[in-house]
Amino acid sequence: MPLGYLCLVLHAHLPFVRHPEYDDFLEEDWLYEAITETYIPLLEVFEGLERDGVEWRLTMSVTPTLAAMLTDPLLQARYVRHLDNLIALAAKEIERTRFEPEFQALAEMYHRRFTRAREVFVDRYGHNLLRGFKHFFDGGSLELITCGATHGFLPLMVGNENARRAQIEVGCREFERHFGRRPRGIWLPECGYAPGIERLLESAGIRYFFTDTHAVLFAEPRPRFGVYAPLMVTGSNVACLARDSESSKQVWSAIEGYPGDYNYRDFYRDVGFDLDYEYLKPHLHQTGIRSLLGIKYYKITGRTDHKLPYNPQAARDKAAEHAANFMFNREKQVEWLSGSMDGRPALIVAPYDAELFGHWWFEGPDWIDFLLRKMHFDQQRIKTISVPEYLDLYPRLQVAQPTLSSWGYKGYCEVWLEGSNDWIYRHLHEGAERMTELARAHNDPAPLLRRALNQAARELLLAQSSDWAFILKTGTMVEYAKERTRVHVNNFNHLYDSIRDGTIDEGWLNGIENRHNLFPDIDYRVYA
């Protein structure tokens, strides 16, 4: 028996961004970048581990909005177009850098990566990466979990349990539609927990969820084993697992953690801003706005504007070194904890945003690959495990009540409720009340009315996405976040009025059904 277990958790999420009304839309790049730099590299890591007989466990959420985009034919076709554009640009770069060997080698590397991504996406997975993740899920190495339908922030859905229930239940139904079975676990959006949510999780068949550290450390009664064993939430059969701050900091922090190492690729030095505008213009969006194109020639180098050329082999060697360091620290951690766990192996929960690996931290997928291989071949003290496996081994858990919490600044919802974004909640609360009213008033509607009711549910769910409040707080794409909130609230209110008045405009309804087409099997009665 190992001294402890590591539960490595990746939260794969993007807000639903799909604009068929435009031929070309800048914010859709969020999905395309994540596919190229995170999801395909992770699948290739998993394939290599399977091929080489490595025993591994990793937990990964695939949020319903992300799954909707990954299976959408329009976005799939646009992603291939996006890749073709990058392949053409990389080919131009190989020629442009012919007298600069260091940079030409990097241009060739990017050309290979983009070409390989196209091959994996089109030929191996038939445009649908969920097939790849489902393969490893069915094989038992990858534990997939769900999330709130649109990443709605549950602690602030106060006064209307139906709003919380709909986020959870629609998330579970979408998971089952894509992966063939109900999920056993859930990533609460923004790790946002409030007492009472566990009852809704239990009614949806969820066995466990994750929180930030302080949700468990400040539980009542105090947890005997801290964050190193799950808690059974008081009055339920749902387990709560908290983030280990020590292992998280080593990876999360760009200053103290691994991603800030000077050998790693610099995220911000991108040819989209470095090269001549006229040269780049054929490869930019139709608006002509400069944007990140994913070809980056420099390493972090240091806290200086003078950057040195990126060396992929040196960066890969550093990723191997950091993987060994992480494993060593976890070994020492479980060794130290073993004396206070009463014979129970410690469980270290290490959750991260999936997009950190590959997109923000280019070498992140290599780090995961090295870590899982080293844990399999080089030691026996700590093993990777999924939460259901751990709960089957150790079903007796301390019963306690976690506290209201989130992750993010200060850990108590402040990112999602403060002066820049507090105005959205009056609309969301009123929308939840109105949606409940509609659901209870219509038991067996005619087909057109049913479509309108289902679209009203979609619009409310989309308005509730925590991503819009987050963007308003961080100030990155503020106008887009405001517009998305406004559009979904206005669409919902128009549907509410037309349903009550019996004046549904089928042509208008067709238009928003086409634009906001996620959750094809949604049933508005989830709000009843």
Protein backbone atom coordinates (compact mmCIF):
# COMPACT_ATOMS: atom_id res chain seq x y z
CA MET A 1 0.00 0.00 0.00
CA PRO A 2 1.38 3.46 -0.87
CA LEU A 3 1.83 6.07 1.83
CA GLY A 4 -0.49 8.40 -0.04
CA TYR A 5 -2.39 9.18 -3.21
CA LEU A 6 -2.39 12.08 -5.64
CA CYS A 7 -5.64 13.18 -7.29
CA LEU A 8 -4.62 15.39 -10.19
CA VAL A 9 -7.64 17.36 -11.45
CA LEU A 10 -7.87 19.46 -14.62
CA HIS A 11 -10.85 21.79 -15.08
CA ALA A 12 -11.48 22.15 -18.83
CA HIS A 13 -13.86 25.03 -19.42
CA LEU A 14 -14.62 27.80 -21.88
CA PRO A 15 -17.75 29.96 -22.12
CA PHE A 16 -20.09 29.28 -25.01
CA VAL A 17 -18.88 31.52 -27.85
CA ARG A 18 -20.44 30.84 -31.24
CA HIS A 19 -21.40 33.52 -33.75
CA PRO A 20 -22.87 32.09 -36.96
CA GLU A 21 -24.12 35.60 -37.81
CA TYR A 22 -20.50 36.50 -38.64
CA ASP A 23 -18.14 34.69 -40.98
CA ASP A 24 -15.24 35.40 -38.66
CA PHE A 25 -15.30 36.25 -34.95
CA LEU A 26 -12.32 37.10 -32.74
CA GLU A 27 -13.53 35.57 -29.46
CA GLU A 28 -14.01 32.17 -31.10
CA ASP A 29 -10.20 32.00 -31.02
CA TRP A 30 -10.47 31.12 -27.31
CA LEU A 31 -11.71 27.68 -28.36
CA TYR A 32 -9.31 27.23 -31.26
CA GLU A 33 -6.26 28.13 -29.15
CA ALA A 34 -7.32 25.73 -26.41
CA ILE A 35 -7.84 22.88 -28.88
CA THR A 36 -4.41 23.36 -30.46
CA GLU A 37 -2.41 24.09 -27.34
CA THR A 38 -4.20 22.15 -24.57
CA TYR A 39 -6.77 19.54 -25.59
CA ILE A 40 -4.91 17.89 -28.47
CA PRO A 41 -1.56 17.86 -26.57
CA LEU A 42 -3.29 16.28 -23.55
CA LEU A 43 -4.87 13.60 -25.72
CA GLU A 44 -1.47 12.86 -27.23
CA VAL A 45 0.00 12.53 -23.74
CA PHE A 46 -2.77 10.07 -22.81
CA GLU A 47 -2.19 8.11 -26.02
CA GLY A 48 1.53 7.82 -25.28
CA LEU A 49 0.91 6.65 -21.72
CA GLU A 50 -1.53 4.00 -22.93
CA ARG A 51 0.85 2.88 -25.67
CA ASP A 52 3.76 2.48 -23.23
CA GLY A 53 1.80 0.58 -20.59
CA VAL A 54 1.90 3.31 -17.95
CA GLU A 55 -0.68 2.99 -15.18
CA TRP A 56 -2.12 6.44 -14.51
CA ARG A 57 -5.14 8.24 -13.17
CA LEU A 58 -6.23 11.77 -13.90
CA THR A 59 -9.53 13.55 -13.30
CA MET A 60 -10.83 16.07 -15.82
CA SER A 61 -13.98 18.12 -16.03
CA VAL A 62 -15.43 18.83 -19.45
CA THR A 63 -17.96 21.59 -18.95
CA PRO A 64 -21.24 21.40 -20.88
CA THR A 65 -20.49 24.63 -22.78
CA LEU A 66 -17.09 23.31 -23.85
CA ALA A 67 -18.62 19.99 -24.90
CA ALA A 68 -21.27 21.86 -26.89
CA MET A 69 -18.62 23.78 -28.81
CA LEU A 70 -16.39 20.76 -29.40
CA THR A 71 -19.31 18.92 -31.02
CA ASP A 72 -20.67 21.85 -33.02
CA PRO A 73 -20.22 21.35 -36.82
CA LEU A 74 -19.85 25.09 -37.50
CA LEU A 75 -17.08 25.54 -34.95
CA GLN A 76 -15.42 22.30 -36.04
CA ALA A 77 -15.25 23.55 -39.63
CA ARG A 78 -14.02 26.95 -38.54
CA TYR A 79 -11.29 25.34 -36.44
CA VAL A 80 -9.96 23.50 -39.50
CA ARG A 81 -9.97 26.81 -41.37
CA HIS A 82 -8.10 28.37 -38.42
CA LEU A 83 -5.47 25.60 -38.57
CA ASP A 84 -5.05 25.96 -42.32
CA ASN A 85 -4.38 29.65 -41.81
CA LEU A 86 -1.72 28.90 -39.18
CA ILE A 87 -0.10 26.23 -41.34
CA ALA A 88 0.15 28.75 -44.18
CA LEU A 89 1.63 31.38 -41.86
CA ALA A 90 4.16 28.91 -40.44
CA ALA A 91 5.23 27.99 -43.97
CA LYS A 92 5.80 31.69 -44.71
CA GLU A 93 7.79 31.96 -41.50
CA ILE A 94 10.08 29.11 -42.52
CA GLU A 95 10.94 31.08 -45.63
CA ARG A 96 11.21 34.46 -43.85
CA THR A 97 13.65 33.09 -41.26
CA ARG A 98 15.86 31.20 -43.73
CA PHE A 99 18.91 33.25 -42.68
CA GLU A 100 18.14 32.94 -38.93
CA PRO A 101 18.71 29.28 -38.00
CA GLU A 102 17.42 29.53 -34.42
CA PHE A 103 14.15 31.07 -35.53
CA GLN A 104 13.76 28.87 -38.61
CA ALA A 105 14.00 25.75 -36.45
CA LEU A 106 11.16 27.15 -34.33
CA ALA A 107 9.10 28.02 -37.41
CA GLU A 108 9.53 24.42 -38.57
CA MET A 109 8.47 23.22 -35.11
CA TYR A 110 5.25 25.24 -35.29
CA HIS A 111 4.55 24.04 -38.83
CA ARG A 112 4.86 20.43 -37.61
CA ARG A 113 2.64 21.12 -34.58
CA PHE A 114 -0.13 22.76 -36.60
CA THR A 115 0.00 20.06 -39.26
CA ARG A 116 -0.07 17.38 -36.58
CA ALA A 117 -3.01 19.06 -34.83
CA ARG A 118 -4.94 19.00 -38.10
CA GLU A 119 -4.19 15.32 -38.59
CA VAL A 120 -5.29 14.44 -35.04
CA PHE A 121 -8.43 16.57 -35.21
CA VAL A 122 -9.61 15.57 -38.69
CA ASP A 123 -8.29 12.07 -39.28
CA ARG A 124 -7.99 10.50 -35.83
CA TYR A 125 -11.04 11.93 -34.08
CA GLY A 126 -13.27 12.92 -36.99
CA HIS A 127 -13.51 16.57 -35.85
CA ASN A 128 -14.82 15.54 -32.38
CA LEU A 129 -12.23 15.46 -29.58
CA LEU A 130 -14.81 14.17 -27.10
CA ARG A 131 -14.34 10.78 -28.74
CA GLY A 132 -10.74 10.81 -27.56
CA PHE A 133 -11.58 11.75 -23.99
CA LYS A 134 -14.39 9.18 -23.90
CA HIS A 135 -11.94 6.45 -24.94
CA PHE A 136 -9.75 7.02 -21.89
CA PHE A 137 -12.83 7.51 -19.68
CA ASP A 138 -14.22 4.15 -20.75
CA GLY A 139 -10.79 2.60 -20.17
CA GLY A 140 -10.73 3.78 -16.55
CA SER A 141 -7.55 5.88 -16.61
CA LEU A 142 -9.34 9.20 -17.07
CA GLU A 143 -12.14 10.13 -14.67
CA LEU A 144 -14.43 12.63 -16.40
CA ILE A 145 -16.74 14.84 -14.36
CA THR A 146 -19.32 17.49 -15.18
CA CYS A 147 -19.91 21.09 -14.16
CA GLY A 148 -22.79 23.55 -13.97
CA ALA A 149 -24.57 23.80 -17.33
CA THR A 150 -23.07 27.19 -18.22
CA HIS A 151 -20.63 27.55 -15.31
CA GLY A 152 -23.22 29.50 -13.34
CA PHE A 153 -21.90 30.66 -9.96
CA LEU A 154 -24.11 28.72 -7.55
CA PRO A 155 -23.51 30.59 -4.25
CA LEU A 156 -25.02 33.77 -5.71
CA MET A 157 -28.15 32.05 -7.04
CA VAL A 158 -29.88 32.85 -3.79
CA GLY A 159 -33.61 32.64 -3.22
CA ASN A 160 -34.37 30.22 -6.04
CA GLU A 161 -33.29 26.62 -5.69
CA ASN A 162 -34.64 25.89 -9.16
CA ALA A 163 -31.89 28.02 -10.70
CA ARG A 164 -29.22 25.97 -8.94
CA ARG A 165 -31.02 22.71 -9.71
CA ALA A 166 -31.22 23.56 -13.41
CA GLN A 167 -27.49 24.33 -13.63
CA ILE A 168 -26.66 21.01 -11.97
CA GLU A 169 -29.23 18.77 -13.65
CA VAL A 170 -28.70 20.14 -17.17
CA GLY A 171 -24.96 19.67 -16.63
CA CYS A 172 -25.52 16.03 -15.68
CA ARG A 173 -27.88 15.35 -18.59
CA GLU A 174 -25.45 16.87 -21.09
CA PHE A 175 -22.63 14.76 -19.66
CA GLU A 176 -24.75 11.63 -20.10
CA ARG A 177 -25.63 12.64 -23.67
CA HIS A 178 -21.97 13.01 -24.62
CA PHE A 179 -20.36 10.21 -22.59
CA GLY A 180 -23.11 7.62 -22.22
CA ARG A 181 -23.57 7.67 -18.44
CA ARG A 182 -24.34 9.99 -15.57
CA PRO A 183 -21.32 11.66 -13.94
CA ARG A 184 -20.11 10.61 -10.53
CA GLY A 185 -18.43 13.91 -9.71
CA ILE A 186 -18.78 17.60 -10.41
CA TRP A 187 -16.55 20.64 -10.53
CA LEU A 188 -18.60 23.37 -8.88
CA PRO A 189 -18.18 26.48 -11.05
CA GLU A 190 -15.37 28.65 -9.61
CA CYS A 191 -15.27 26.05 -6.78
CA GLY A 192 -18.24 28.01 -5.44
CA TYR A 193 -19.96 26.19 -2.57
CA ALA A 194 -22.75 27.23 -0.23
CA PRO A 195 -24.45 24.98 2.35
CA GLY A 196 -27.43 23.20 0.82
CA ILE A 197 -25.91 22.69 -2.63
CA GLU A 198 -24.99 19.14 -1.60
CA ARG A 199 -28.70 18.20 -1.46
CA LEU A 200 -29.12 19.16 -5.10
CA LEU A 201 -25.96 17.26 -6.02
CA GLU A 202 -27.20 14.16 -4.24
CA SER A 203 -30.58 14.29 -5.99
CA ALA A 204 -28.69 14.45 -9.32
CA GLY A 205 -26.69 11.33 -8.41
CA ILE A 206 -23.40 13.14 -7.76
CA ARG A 207 -21.05 11.41 -5.29
CA TYR A 208 -18.38 14.09 -4.83
CA PHE A 209 -17.28 17.64 -5.56
CA PHE A 210 -14.21 19.85 -5.12
CA THR A 211 -13.73 23.05 -3.13
CA ASP A 212 -10.91 25.38 -2.25
CA THR A 213 -8.84 24.72 0.85
CA HIS A 214 -10.65 26.92 3.37
CA ALA A 215 -14.07 25.38 2.69
CA VAL A 216 -12.86 22.23 4.48
CA LEU A 217 -10.35 23.72 6.93
CA PHE A 218 -13.13 25.87 8.42
CA ALA A 219 -15.73 23.09 8.35
CA GLU A 220 -17.81 22.34 11.44
CA PRO A 221 -16.64 20.24 13.22
CA ARG A 222 -13.01 20.78 12.28
CA PRO A 223 -11.71 18.07 9.95
CA ARG A 224 -9.54 15.56 11.74
CA PHE A 225 -7.24 15.03 8.75
CA GLY A 226 -7.39 18.55 7.34
CA VAL A 227 -7.66 18.58 3.54
CA TYR A 228 -5.94 15.19 3.22
CA ALA A 229 -9.11 13.09 3.40
CA PRO A 230 -12.59 13.73 1.98
CA LEU A 231 -15.45 14.87 4.19
CA MET A 232 -19.00 13.58 4.00
CA VAL A 233 -21.17 16.67 3.95
CA THR A 234 -23.58 16.76 6.89
CA GLY A 235 -27.02 15.37 6.04
CA SER A 236 -25.98 13.89 2.69
CA ASN A 237 -24.08 11.09 1.00
CA VAL A 238 -21.92 13.50 -0.98
CA ALA A 239 -18.17 13.79 -0.39
CA CYS A 240 -16.29 17.08 -0.41
CA LEU A 241 -12.61 17.29 -1.35
CA ALA A 242 -10.42 20.36 -0.89
CA ARG A 243 -7.42 21.69 -2.75
CA ASP A 244 -3.97 21.13 -1.26
CA SER A 245 -2.42 24.59 -1.26
CA GLU A 246 1.20 23.34 -1.20
CA SER A 247 1.00 21.33 -4.42
CA SER A 248 -1.15 23.99 -6.09
CA LYS A 249 1.27 26.83 -5.44
CA GLN A 250 4.15 24.97 -7.04
CA VAL A 251 2.26 24.82 -10.33
CA TRP A 252 -0.12 27.80 -10.24
CA SER A 253 2.26 30.59 -9.37
CA ALA A 254 4.00 32.25 -12.32
CA ILE A 255 6.44 33.84 -9.84
CA GLU A 256 7.20 31.04 -7.40
CA GLY A 257 5.90 28.11 -9.45
CA TYR A 258 7.25 26.15 -12.36
CA PRO A 259 5.62 28.11 -15.24
CA GLY A 260 7.73 31.18 -14.50
CA ASP A 261 11.04 29.43 -15.15
CA TYR A 262 13.18 31.49 -17.52
CA ASN A 263 13.68 28.54 -19.90
CA TYR A 264 9.99 28.21 -20.68
CA ARG A 265 8.31 29.86 -23.65
CA ASP A 266 7.16 33.44 -23.20
CA PHE A 267 3.39 33.57 -23.69
CA TYR A 268 3.19 37.27 -24.56
CA ARG A 269 5.85 37.57 -27.27
CA ASP A 270 3.80 36.52 -30.26
CA VAL A 271 4.35 37.20 -33.97
CA GLY A 272 0.84 38.63 -34.10
CA PHE A 273 2.27 41.74 -32.45
CA ASP A 274 5.97 41.43 -33.33
CA LEU A 275 5.90 41.28 -37.15
CA ASP A 276 5.04 43.79 -39.86
CA TYR A 277 1.30 44.43 -40.14
CA GLU A 278 1.05 44.10 -43.93
CA TYR A 279 2.91 40.78 -43.78
CA LEU A 280 0.48 39.48 -41.16
CA LYS A 281 -2.71 41.00 -42.52
CA PRO A 282 -3.79 37.96 -44.63
CA HIS A 283 -3.67 35.88 -41.45
CA LEU A 284 -5.54 38.25 -39.12
CA HIS A 285 -9.27 38.45 -38.55
CA GLN A 286 -11.42 40.36 -41.03
CA THR A 287 -11.51 43.30 -38.65
CA GLY A 288 -7.75 43.65 -39.12
CA ILE A 289 -7.12 43.68 -35.38
CA ARG A 290 -3.78 42.25 -34.28
CA SER A 291 -4.15 39.18 -32.09
CA LEU A 292 -2.12 36.31 -30.70
CA LEU A 293 -1.40 33.80 -33.47
CA GLY A 294 0.36 31.12 -31.45
CA ILE A 295 3.82 31.43 -33.03
CA LYS A 296 6.15 32.56 -30.28
CA TYR A 297 9.93 32.64 -30.70
CA TYR A 298 11.20 33.72 -27.29
CA LYS A 299 11.68 32.27 -23.84
CA ILE A 300 10.80 34.09 -20.64
CA THR A 301 14.51 34.89 -20.20
CA GLY A 302 13.98 37.02 -17.08
CA ARG A 303 12.29 40.15 -15.87
CA THR A 304 13.49 42.10 -18.84
CA ASP A 305 12.18 43.31 -22.18
CA HIS A 306 15.21 41.74 -23.86
CA LYS A 307 14.20 38.16 -24.66
CA LEU A 308 16.39 35.33 -25.89
CA PRO A 309 15.31 32.74 -28.49
CA TYR A 310 13.30 29.82 -27.17
CA ASN A 311 15.10 26.47 -26.92
CA PRO A 312 12.55 23.63 -26.99
CA GLN A 313 14.95 20.95 -25.77
CA ALA A 314 16.15 23.03 -22.82
CA ALA A 315 12.52 23.74 -21.92
CA ARG A 316 11.61 20.06 -22.19
CA ASP A 317 14.55 19.13 -19.95
CA LYS A 318 13.34 21.70 -17.42
CA ALA A 319 9.82 20.23 -17.54
CA ALA A 320 11.30 16.81 -16.70
CA GLU A 321 13.26 18.34 -13.84
CA HIS A 322 10.16 20.08 -12.49
CA ALA A 323 8.10 16.89 -12.75
CA ALA A 324 10.75 15.07 -10.70
CA ASN A 325 10.75 17.89 -8.16
CA PHE A 326 6.95 17.81 -7.86
CA MET A 327 6.97 14.04 -7.36
CA PHE A 328 9.76 14.28 -4.76
CA ASN A 329 7.85 16.93 -2.82
CA ARG A 330 4.67 14.87 -2.85
CA GLU A 331 6.62 11.83 -1.63
CA LYS A 332 8.02 13.82 1.27
CA GLN A 333 4.60 15.32 1.92
CA VAL A 334 2.83 11.96 2.27
CA GLU A 335 5.76 10.61 4.27
CA TRP A 336 5.37 13.46 6.77
CA LEU A 337 1.57 13.11 6.84
CA SER A 338 1.63 9.34 7.34
CA GLY A 339 2.28 9.69 11.06
CA SER A 340 -0.98 11.56 11.66
CA MET A 341 -3.47 9.76 9.40
CA ASP A 342 -4.26 6.76 11.67
CA GLY A 343 -3.24 4.30 8.99
CA ARG A 344 -5.24 5.95 6.22
CA PRO A 345 -3.11 7.06 3.23
CA ALA A 346 -3.25 10.80 2.70
CA LEU A 347 -5.08 12.03 -0.38
CA ILE A 348 -3.51 15.09 -2.00
CA VAL A 349 -5.94 16.92 -4.27
CA ALA A 350 -4.19 19.08 -6.88
CA PRO A 351 -6.74 20.92 -9.09
CA TYR A 352 -5.85 23.30 -11.92
CA ASP A 353 -7.43 24.96 -14.93
CA ALA A 354 -6.73 22.61 -17.83
CA GLU A 355 -5.88 25.53 -20.11
CA LEU A 356 -2.86 26.31 -17.92
CA PHE A 357 -1.24 23.26 -19.48
CA GLY A 358 -0.21 24.06 -23.03
CA HIS A 359 -1.93 27.39 -23.55
CA TRP A 360 -0.50 29.52 -20.74
CA TRP A 361 2.31 27.14 -19.84
CA PHE A 362 3.44 25.74 -23.18
CA GLU A 363 5.44 22.91 -21.60
CA GLY A 364 2.61 21.93 -19.23
CA PRO A 365 1.50 18.79 -21.14
CA ASP A 366 5.12 17.59 -21.18
CA TRP A 367 5.25 18.15 -17.43
CA ILE A 368 2.13 16.00 -16.94
CA ASP A 369 3.61 13.31 -19.19
CA PHE A 370 6.89 13.23 -17.27
CA LEU A 371 5.12 13.28 -13.91
CA LEU A 372 2.80 10.35 -14.65
CA ARG A 373 5.63 8.29 -16.11
CA LYS A 374 7.94 8.99 -13.17
CA MET A 375 5.20 8.15 -10.67
CA HIS A 376 4.66 4.83 -12.43
CA PHE A 377 8.27 3.78 -12.98
CA ASP A 378 10.43 5.56 -10.39
CA GLN A 379 8.74 5.20 -6.97
CA GLN A 380 6.10 3.38 -4.93
CA ARG A 381 5.30 5.81 -2.10
CA ILE A 382 2.56 7.78 -3.81
CA LYS A 383 0.16 6.74 -6.55
CA THR A 384 -2.36 8.56 -8.69
CA ILE A 385 -5.99 7.76 -8.00
CA SER A 386 -9.49 8.86 -8.92
CA VAL A 387 -11.98 9.93 -6.25
CA PRO A 388 -14.41 7.00 -6.83
CA GLU A 389 -11.50 4.56 -6.39
CA TYR A 390 -10.47 6.26 -3.15
CA LEU A 391 -14.05 6.28 -1.84
CA ASP A 392 -14.39 2.59 -2.61
CA LEU A 393 -11.19 1.89 -0.66
CA TYR A 394 -12.07 4.19 2.26
CA PRO A 395 -15.86 4.60 2.43
CA ARG A 396 -15.95 5.74 6.07
CA LEU A 397 -15.56 9.52 6.12
CA GLN A 398 -15.82 12.17 8.79
CA VAL A 399 -19.15 14.00 8.65
CA ALA A 400 -18.83 17.79 8.67
CA GLN A 401 -20.34 20.94 7.17
CA PRO A 402 -18.03 22.88 4.81
CA THR A 403 -18.29 26.67 4.72
CA LEU A 404 -19.42 28.99 1.98
CA SER A 405 -16.42 29.61 -0.25
CA SER A 406 -15.00 30.02 -3.73
CA TRP A 407 -11.57 30.18 -5.20
CA GLY A 408 -10.23 33.44 -6.57
CA TYR A 409 -9.31 36.63 -4.75
CA LYS A 410 -9.94 36.29 -0.97
CA GLY A 411 -11.94 33.08 -1.52
CA TYR A 412 -15.43 34.33 -0.67
CA CYS A 413 -17.09 35.19 -3.99
CA GLU A 414 -15.63 38.71 -4.25
CA VAL A 415 -14.41 38.21 -7.82
CA TRP A 416 -18.00 37.53 -8.95
CA LEU A 417 -19.75 40.13 -6.80
CA GLU A 418 -18.24 43.59 -6.56
CA GLY A 419 -18.64 47.05 -8.03
CA SER A 420 -17.87 46.16 -11.65
CA ASN A 421 -20.39 43.33 -11.97
CA ASP A 422 -23.00 43.59 -9.20
CA TRP A 423 -25.54 45.06 -11.63
CA ILE A 424 -26.07 41.73 -13.41
CA TYR A 425 -27.62 39.87 -10.46
CA ARG A 426 -30.93 41.72 -10.25
CA HIS A 427 -31.58 40.55 -13.82
CA LEU A 428 -30.47 36.98 -13.12
CA HIS A 429 -32.61 36.68 -9.99
CA GLU A 430 -35.67 38.08 -11.76
CA GLY A 431 -35.03 35.77 -14.71
CA ALA A 432 -34.91 32.73 -12.43
CA GLU A 433 -38.24 33.68 -10.86
CA ARG A 434 -39.81 34.23 -14.26
CA MET A 435 -38.46 30.95 -15.65
CA THR A 436 -39.88 29.05 -12.69
CA GLU A 437 -43.23 30.77 -13.24
CA LEU A 438 -43.25 29.74 -16.92
CA ALA A 439 -42.24 26.15 -16.18
CA ARG A 440 -45.00 25.70 -13.62
CA ALA A 441 -47.64 27.30 -15.85
CA HIS A 442 -47.13 25.03 -18.88
CA ASN A 443 -47.39 21.26 -18.48
CA ASP A 444 -48.10 20.09 -22.04
CA PRO A 445 -47.44 22.95 -24.47
CA ALA A 446 -47.89 22.94 -28.23
CA PRO A 447 -44.66 22.46 -30.26
CA LEU A 448 -43.98 26.16 -30.92
CA LEU A 449 -44.62 27.09 -27.30
CA ARG A 450 -42.37 24.25 -26.13
CA ARG A 451 -39.56 25.55 -28.34
CA ALA A 452 -39.97 29.03 -26.89
CA LEU A 453 -39.93 27.70 -23.32
CA ASN A 454 -36.81 25.63 -23.99
CA GLN A 455 -35.08 28.62 -25.60
CA ALA A 456 -35.98 30.76 -22.62
CA ALA A 457 -34.22 28.23 -20.41
CA ARG A 458 -31.15 28.34 -22.68
CA GLU A 459 -31.02 32.14 -22.64
CA LEU A 460 -31.27 32.29 -18.85
CA LEU A 461 -28.57 29.66 -18.42
CA LEU A 462 -26.27 31.56 -20.82
CA ALA A 463 -26.88 34.83 -18.97
CA GLN A 464 -25.88 33.09 -15.71
CA SER A 465 -22.40 32.14 -16.95
CA SER A 466 -19.84 33.18 -14.32
CA ASP A 467 -17.42 34.03 -17.12
CA TRP A 468 -19.16 37.34 -17.82
CA ALA A 469 -18.86 38.53 -14.20
CA PHE A 470 -15.24 37.35 -14.14
CA ILE A 471 -14.37 39.29 -17.31
CA LEU A 472 -16.08 42.41 -15.97
CA LYS A 473 -13.92 42.13 -12.85
CA THR A 474 -10.62 41.49 -14.64
CA GLY A 475 -11.25 44.12 -17.31
CA THR A 476 -10.02 42.06 -20.26
CA MET A 477 -12.92 41.89 -22.78
CA VAL A 478 -15.40 44.05 -20.88
CA GLU A 479 -17.56 45.20 -23.79
CA TYR A 480 -18.01 41.64 -25.03
CA ALA A 481 -19.02 40.43 -21.54
CA LYS A 482 -21.50 43.29 -21.16
CA GLU A 483 -22.97 42.58 -24.58
CA ARG A 484 -23.37 38.87 -23.92
CA THR A 485 -25.13 39.55 -20.62
CA ARG A 486 -27.39 42.14 -22.24
CA VAL A 487 -28.25 39.92 -25.22
CA HIS A 488 -29.23 36.88 -23.17
CA VAL A 489 -31.23 38.87 -20.61
CA ASN A 490 -33.09 40.75 -23.36
CA ASN A 491 -33.75 37.53 -25.30
CA PHE A 492 -35.11 35.89 -22.18
CA ASN A 493 -37.36 38.82 -21.30
CA HIS A 494 -38.69 39.00 -24.87
CA LEU A 495 -39.49 35.28 -24.76
CA TYR A 496 -41.16 35.66 -21.36
CA ASP A 497 -43.40 38.45 -22.60
CA SER A 498 -44.29 36.73 -25.88
CA ILE A 499 -45.05 33.41 -24.12
CA ARG A 500 -47.35 35.14 -21.64
CA ASP A 501 -49.02 37.22 -24.35
CA GLY A 502 -49.29 34.38 -26.87
CA THR A 503 -47.38 36.39 -29.50
CA ILE A 504 -44.39 34.14 -30.25
CA ASP A 505 -42.60 35.25 -33.44
CA GLU A 506 -41.45 31.99 -35.02
CA GLY A 507 -39.03 33.70 -37.41
CA TRP A 508 -37.30 35.52 -34.56
CA LEU A 509 -37.27 32.32 -32.50
CA ASN A 510 -35.63 30.45 -35.39
CA GLY A 511 -32.87 33.04 -35.41
CA ILE A 512 -31.90 32.80 -31.75
CA GLU A 513 -32.27 29.02 -31.76
CA ASN A 514 -29.69 28.97 -34.54
CA ARG A 515 -27.31 31.36 -32.77
CA HIS A 516 -27.61 29.87 -29.28
CA ASN A 517 -28.07 26.22 -30.14
CA LEU A 518 -26.44 24.42 -27.22
CA PHE A 519 -28.20 21.73 -25.14
CA PRO A 520 -30.44 20.29 -27.91
CA ASP A 521 -32.27 18.02 -25.45
CA ILE A 522 -32.98 20.69 -22.83
CA ASP A 523 -36.36 20.42 -21.09
CA TYR A 524 -37.65 23.65 -19.56
CA ARG A 525 -39.48 21.61 -16.90
CA VAL A 526 -36.19 21.28 -15.02
CA TYR A 527 -37.22 24.64 -13.54
CA ALA A 528 -40.52 23.28 -12.28
